[in-house]
């Protein structure tokens, strides 16, 4: 790895910061990607990401891995009952979490590092519940993020897909990458069994809102289940699709 990875704090929120190999305060501002679940989607594959930079398949990016405090509360848009007696209910504090990210973390990063303040340069990506809250970041703050990565997102969550369907959002210049495994939800007895169906529903809803093939991508990975190794693979693919085909972002 030729870039650098370090830990920082904005208020009481920890985050991991990856700076690419040619990062400099004297260069043009770099595009930024805010990633849910800390560095879990990128910290073990930075060499692979840097190879994409070297091959000019992805422009050099600054990655901000936001550490959750309580993901089942922060990554859910409203409260809902637990799917099992073994787990607590979902807290539904997503709005508060997104307010903290947009009002405190993003300004902190943009004041302290050389990252672009243009919406087209700013992305937010997550997997599972992290993918759900990343999509809701677009719904709540459509002018703030130009690139959305929704990986194996928990669209089975109560009323989530229906809320996206009825949301009054327009494509603008936003680009959205969605992915899901063909076997996700298989064998589940809970509403998680609707994972694939609900993802397709959200995709079709966004198409009906006017998203074109250049703005919206859905990848259904054959044989993939709900597991981090597939999330990480799709994270790389998301960066390439969102940023590699959008060279005017910087």
Protein backbone atom coordinates (compact mmCIF):
# COMPACT_ATOMS: atom_id res chain seq x y z
CA UNK A 1 0.00 0.00 0.00
CA UNK A 2 1.33 3.40 -1.00
CA UNK A 3 -1.38 5.54 0.53
CA UNK A 4 -1.96 6.01 4.26
CA UNK A 5 -4.60 4.80 6.72
CA UNK A 6 -5.15 6.54 10.05
CA UNK A 7 -7.76 6.98 12.77
CA UNK A 8 -9.41 10.27 13.68
CA UNK A 9 -12.28 11.70 15.69
CA UNK A 10 -14.94 14.30 14.85
CA UNK A 11 -16.68 15.17 18.09
CA UNK A 12 -17.19 11.74 19.64
CA UNK A 13 -17.37 9.94 16.29
CA UNK A 14 -14.38 7.82 15.32
CA UNK A 15 -13.49 7.31 11.68
CA UNK A 16 -10.76 5.73 9.60
CA UNK A 17 -9.20 7.93 6.93
CA UNK A 18 -7.50 6.59 3.84
CA UNK A 19 -5.45 9.05 1.78
CA UNK A 20 -4.39 7.87 -1.70
CA UNK A 21 -0.75 7.68 -2.90
CA UNK A 22 -0.61 11.09 -4.59
CA UNK A 23 -2.56 12.93 -1.88
CA UNK A 24 -1.26 16.44 -1.39
CA UNK A 25 -2.61 19.68 -0.04
CA UNK A 26 -1.22 21.41 -3.12
CA UNK A 27 -3.04 19.33 -5.74
CA UNK A 28 -6.59 19.47 -7.00
CA UNK A 29 -9.15 18.45 -4.37
CA UNK A 30 -9.81 14.71 -4.19
CA UNK A 31 -13.23 13.05 -4.40
CA UNK A 32 -14.40 11.57 -1.10
CA UNK A 33 -16.36 8.46 -0.17
CA UNK A 34 -18.06 8.12 3.22
CA UNK A 35 -18.28 4.43 4.09
CA UNK A 36 -20.45 2.77 6.75
CA UNK A 37 -19.09 0.25 9.28
CA UNK A 38 -15.65 1.81 9.67
CA UNK A 39 -12.99 0.36 7.42
CA UNK A 40 -14.55 -3.10 7.12
CA UNK A 41 -15.30 -2.72 3.40
CA UNK A 42 -11.92 -1.36 2.35
CA UNK A 43 -9.10 -1.65 4.88
CA UNK A 44 -8.08 -5.18 3.85
CA UNK A 45 -8.16 -4.48 0.13
CA UNK A 46 -6.39 -1.16 -0.21
CA UNK A 47 -3.71 -2.69 -2.42
CA UNK A 48 -6.42 -3.85 -4.81
CA UNK A 49 -8.03 -0.41 -4.75
CA UNK A 50 -4.65 1.20 -5.45
CA UNK A 51 -4.17 -1.15 -8.40
CA UNK A 52 -7.41 0.29 -9.82
CA UNK A 53 -5.92 3.77 -9.39
CA UNK A 54 -2.76 2.68 -11.17
CA UNK A 55 -4.77 1.20 -14.05
CA UNK A 56 -6.79 4.44 -14.33
CA UNK A 57 -9.96 2.47 -13.72
CA UNK A 58 -10.78 4.60 -10.68
CA UNK A 59 -9.52 8.10 -9.87
CA UNK A 60 -7.65 8.42 -6.57
CA UNK A 61 -10.16 8.75 -3.75
CA UNK A 62 -10.17 9.72 -0.09
CA UNK A 63 -12.08 7.08 1.92
CA UNK A 64 -13.72 7.90 5.26
CA UNK A 65 -14.78 4.80 7.20
CA UNK A 66 -17.36 5.94 9.77
CA UNK A 67 -17.38 3.83 12.93
CA UNK A 68 -20.91 3.09 14.16
CA UNK A 69 -21.77 3.34 17.84
CA UNK A 70 -24.85 1.14 17.58
CA UNK A 71 -25.51 0.11 14.00
CA UNK A 72 -28.99 -1.36 14.48
CA UNK A 73 -30.08 2.01 15.87
CA UNK A 74 -28.06 4.35 13.65
CA UNK A 75 -28.56 2.50 10.37
CA UNK A 76 -32.36 2.17 10.64
CA UNK A 77 -34.62 5.04 9.49
CA UNK A 78 -37.39 4.43 12.05
CA UNK A 79 -38.02 1.98 14.90
CA UNK A 80 -39.12 -1.58 14.14
CA UNK A 81 -39.53 -4.81 16.04
CA UNK A 82 -36.61 -7.22 16.18
CA UNK A 83 -36.68 -10.21 13.84
CA UNK A 84 -35.78 -12.52 16.73
CA UNK A 85 -36.22 -12.67 20.50
CA UNK A 86 -32.45 -13.05 20.72
CA UNK A 87 -31.83 -9.49 19.49
CA UNK A 88 -33.02 -6.03 20.58
CA UNK A 89 -35.50 -4.02 18.54
CA UNK A 90 -34.24 -1.69 15.83
CA UNK A 91 -33.82 1.80 17.29
CA UNK A 92 -34.65 3.86 14.21
CA UNK A 93 -32.22 6.71 14.92
CA UNK A 94 -31.09 7.03 11.31
CA UNK A 95 -32.20 10.65 10.96
CA UNK A 96 -30.08 11.71 13.95
CA UNK A 97 -27.13 9.75 12.59
CA UNK A 98 -27.40 11.33 9.14
CA UNK A 99 -27.69 14.78 10.71
CA UNK A 100 -24.45 14.18 12.58
CA UNK A 101 -22.71 12.99 9.42
CA UNK A 102 -23.92 15.89 7.29
CA UNK A 103 -23.63 18.66 9.89
CA UNK A 104 -20.48 17.62 11.74
CA UNK A 105 -18.40 14.89 10.10
CA UNK A 106 -18.46 16.05 6.47
CA UNK A 107 -17.64 19.69 7.32
CA UNK A 108 -14.84 18.46 9.62
CA UNK A 109 -13.29 16.33 6.89
CA UNK A 110 -13.63 19.03 4.25
CA UNK A 111 -12.06 21.66 6.50
CA UNK A 112 -9.08 19.49 7.46
CA UNK A 113 -8.22 17.55 4.30
CA UNK A 114 -7.96 18.39 0.63
CA UNK A 115 -11.26 16.92 -0.56
CA UNK A 116 -13.69 18.40 -3.02
CA UNK A 117 -16.83 20.11 -1.73
CA UNK A 118 -18.75 19.38 -4.93
CA UNK A 119 -21.68 16.99 -4.53
CA UNK A 120 -20.64 15.11 -7.67
CA UNK A 121 -17.34 14.30 -5.95
CA UNK A 122 -18.93 13.13 -2.70
CA UNK A 123 -20.15 9.57 -2.22
CA UNK A 124 -21.69 7.45 0.52
CA UNK A 125 -21.57 3.65 0.51
CA UNK A 126 -22.61 0.87 2.85
CA UNK A 127 -23.62 -2.79 2.98
CA UNK A 128 -26.61 -4.49 4.60
CA UNK A 129 -28.17 -2.00 7.06
CA UNK A 130 -25.28 0.30 6.11
CA UNK A 131 -26.51 0.17 2.53
CA UNK A 132 -30.04 0.99 3.67
CA UNK A 133 -28.95 4.12 5.54
CA UNK A 134 -26.75 5.14 2.59
CA UNK A 135 -29.82 5.12 0.35
CA UNK A 136 -31.75 7.08 2.95
CA UNK A 137 -28.89 9.60 2.99
CA UNK A 138 -29.79 10.25 -0.64
CA UNK A 139 -33.50 10.56 0.17
CA UNK A 140 -32.90 12.97 3.06
CA UNK A 141 -30.01 14.93 1.53
CA UNK A 142 -30.35 14.55 -2.27
CA UNK A 143 -28.19 17.57 -3.08
CA UNK A 144 -25.28 16.49 -0.85
CA UNK A 145 -24.23 13.15 -2.38
CA UNK A 146 -23.56 12.54 -6.06
CA UNK A 147 -22.64 8.86 -5.70
CA UNK A 148 -24.57 6.23 -3.72
CA UNK A 149 -23.34 2.69 -3.09
CA UNK A 150 -26.10 0.35 -1.91
CA UNK A 151 -24.57 -3.10 -1.35
CA UNK A 152 -26.81 -5.99 -0.26
CA UNK A 153 -29.00 -3.37 1.37
CA UNK A 154 -31.63 -4.35 3.92
CA UNK A 155 -34.64 -3.34 1.85
CA UNK A 156 -36.63 -6.01 3.67
CA UNK A 157 -36.74 -3.52 6.57
CA UNK A 158 -40.30 -2.61 7.50
CA UNK A 159 -41.74 -0.10 4.97
CA UNK A 160 -38.27 0.77 3.62
CA UNK A 161 -38.82 -0.22 -0.02
CA UNK A 162 -42.29 1.33 -0.03
CA UNK A 163 -40.95 4.60 1.39
CA UNK A 164 -38.31 4.78 -1.35
CA UNK A 165 -41.00 4.06 -3.93
CA UNK A 166 -43.15 6.99 -2.78
CA UNK A 167 -40.27 9.40 -2.08
CA UNK A 168 -40.35 12.60 -4.13
CA UNK A 169 -36.76 12.47 -5.39
CA UNK A 170 -35.45 13.16 -8.86
CA UNK A 171 -32.28 11.80 -10.45
CA UNK A 172 -30.45 15.08 -11.00
CA UNK A 173 -26.78 14.16 -11.41
CA UNK A 174 -26.78 11.43 -8.73
CA UNK A 175 -25.52 7.96 -9.67
CA UNK A 176 -26.54 4.85 -7.73
CA UNK A 177 -24.85 1.44 -7.68
CA UNK A 178 -26.91 -1.41 -6.22
CA UNK A 179 -25.87 -5.01 -5.70
CA UNK A 180 -27.39 -8.13 -4.17
CA UNK A 181 -26.58 -11.83 -4.15
CA UNK A 182 -28.92 -14.23 -5.94
CA UNK A 183 -29.05 -16.39 -2.79
CA UNK A 184 -29.59 -13.63 -0.25
CA UNK A 185 -32.62 -14.34 1.90
CA UNK A 186 -32.80 -17.96 0.77
CA UNK A 187 -33.79 -20.22 3.65
CA UNK A 188 -34.77 -17.33 5.93
CA UNK A 189 -38.02 -17.63 7.84
CA UNK A 190 -38.30 -13.90 8.56
CA UNK A 191 -39.03 -10.97 6.22
CA UNK A 192 -35.35 -11.18 5.26
CA UNK A 193 -36.44 -13.83 2.75
CA UNK A 194 -37.71 -10.91 0.59
CA UNK A 195 -34.18 -9.49 0.21
CA UNK A 196 -33.81 -10.13 -3.53
CA UNK A 197 -37.41 -9.26 -4.35
CA UNK A 198 -37.29 -5.96 -2.41
CA UNK A 199 -33.97 -4.96 -4.00
CA UNK A 200 -35.46 -5.45 -7.46
CA UNK A 201 -38.51 -3.45 -6.35
CA UNK A 202 -36.35 -0.51 -5.23
CA UNK A 203 -34.39 -0.66 -8.48
CA UNK A 204 -37.58 -0.55 -10.56
CA UNK A 205 -38.92 2.29 -8.40
CA UNK A 206 -35.81 4.36 -9.09
CA UNK A 207 -36.04 3.64 -12.81
CA UNK A 208 -39.62 4.92 -12.76
CA UNK A 209 -38.36 8.13 -11.13
CA UNK A 210 -36.24 8.74 -14.22
CA UNK A 211 -32.86 7.19 -13.42
CA UNK A 212 -31.20 6.11 -16.66
CA UNK A 213 -28.76 3.25 -17.29
CA UNK A 214 -25.89 5.72 -16.87
CA UNK A 215 -27.21 6.76 -13.45
CA UNK A 216 -28.46 3.49 -11.99
CA UNK A 217 -26.89 0.04 -11.92
CA UNK A 218 -28.12 -3.19 -10.33
CA UNK A 219 -25.76 -6.18 -10.13
CA UNK A 220 -27.24 -9.51 -9.04
CA UNK A 221 -24.26 -11.69 -8.19
CA UNK A 222 -25.02 -15.31 -8.98
CA UNK A 223 -24.59 -17.65 -6.02
CA UNK A 224 -23.68 -14.87 -3.56
CA UNK A 225 -25.09 -14.92 -0.05
CA UNK A 226 -25.24 -12.18 2.58
CA UNK A 227 -21.58 -12.14 3.59
CA UNK A 228 -18.83 -9.54 3.95
CA UNK A 229 -16.58 -11.16 1.32
CA UNK A 230 -19.23 -10.38 -1.29
CA UNK A 231 -19.79 -6.89 0.13
CA UNK A 232 -16.07 -6.15 -0.24
CA UNK A 233 -16.01 -7.41 -3.81
CA UNK A 234 -18.98 -5.23 -4.70
CA UNK A 235 -17.41 -2.25 -2.93
CA UNK A 236 -14.57 -2.28 -5.46
CA UNK A 237 -17.07 -2.68 -8.30
CA UNK A 238 -19.13 0.21 -6.94
CA UNK A 239 -16.11 2.53 -6.85
CA UNK A 240 -15.28 1.62 -10.43
CA UNK A 241 -18.82 2.09 -11.73
CA UNK A 242 -19.59 5.26 -9.78
CA UNK A 243 -16.28 7.06 -10.25
CA UNK A 244 -14.59 5.41 -13.22
CA UNK A 245 -17.38 6.39 -15.59
CA UNK A 246 -17.75 9.88 -14.19
CA UNK A 247 -14.46 11.62 -14.90
CA UNK A 248 -15.85 15.13 -14.37
CA UNK A 249 -16.31 14.60 -10.63
CA UNK A 250 -13.19 16.42 -9.41
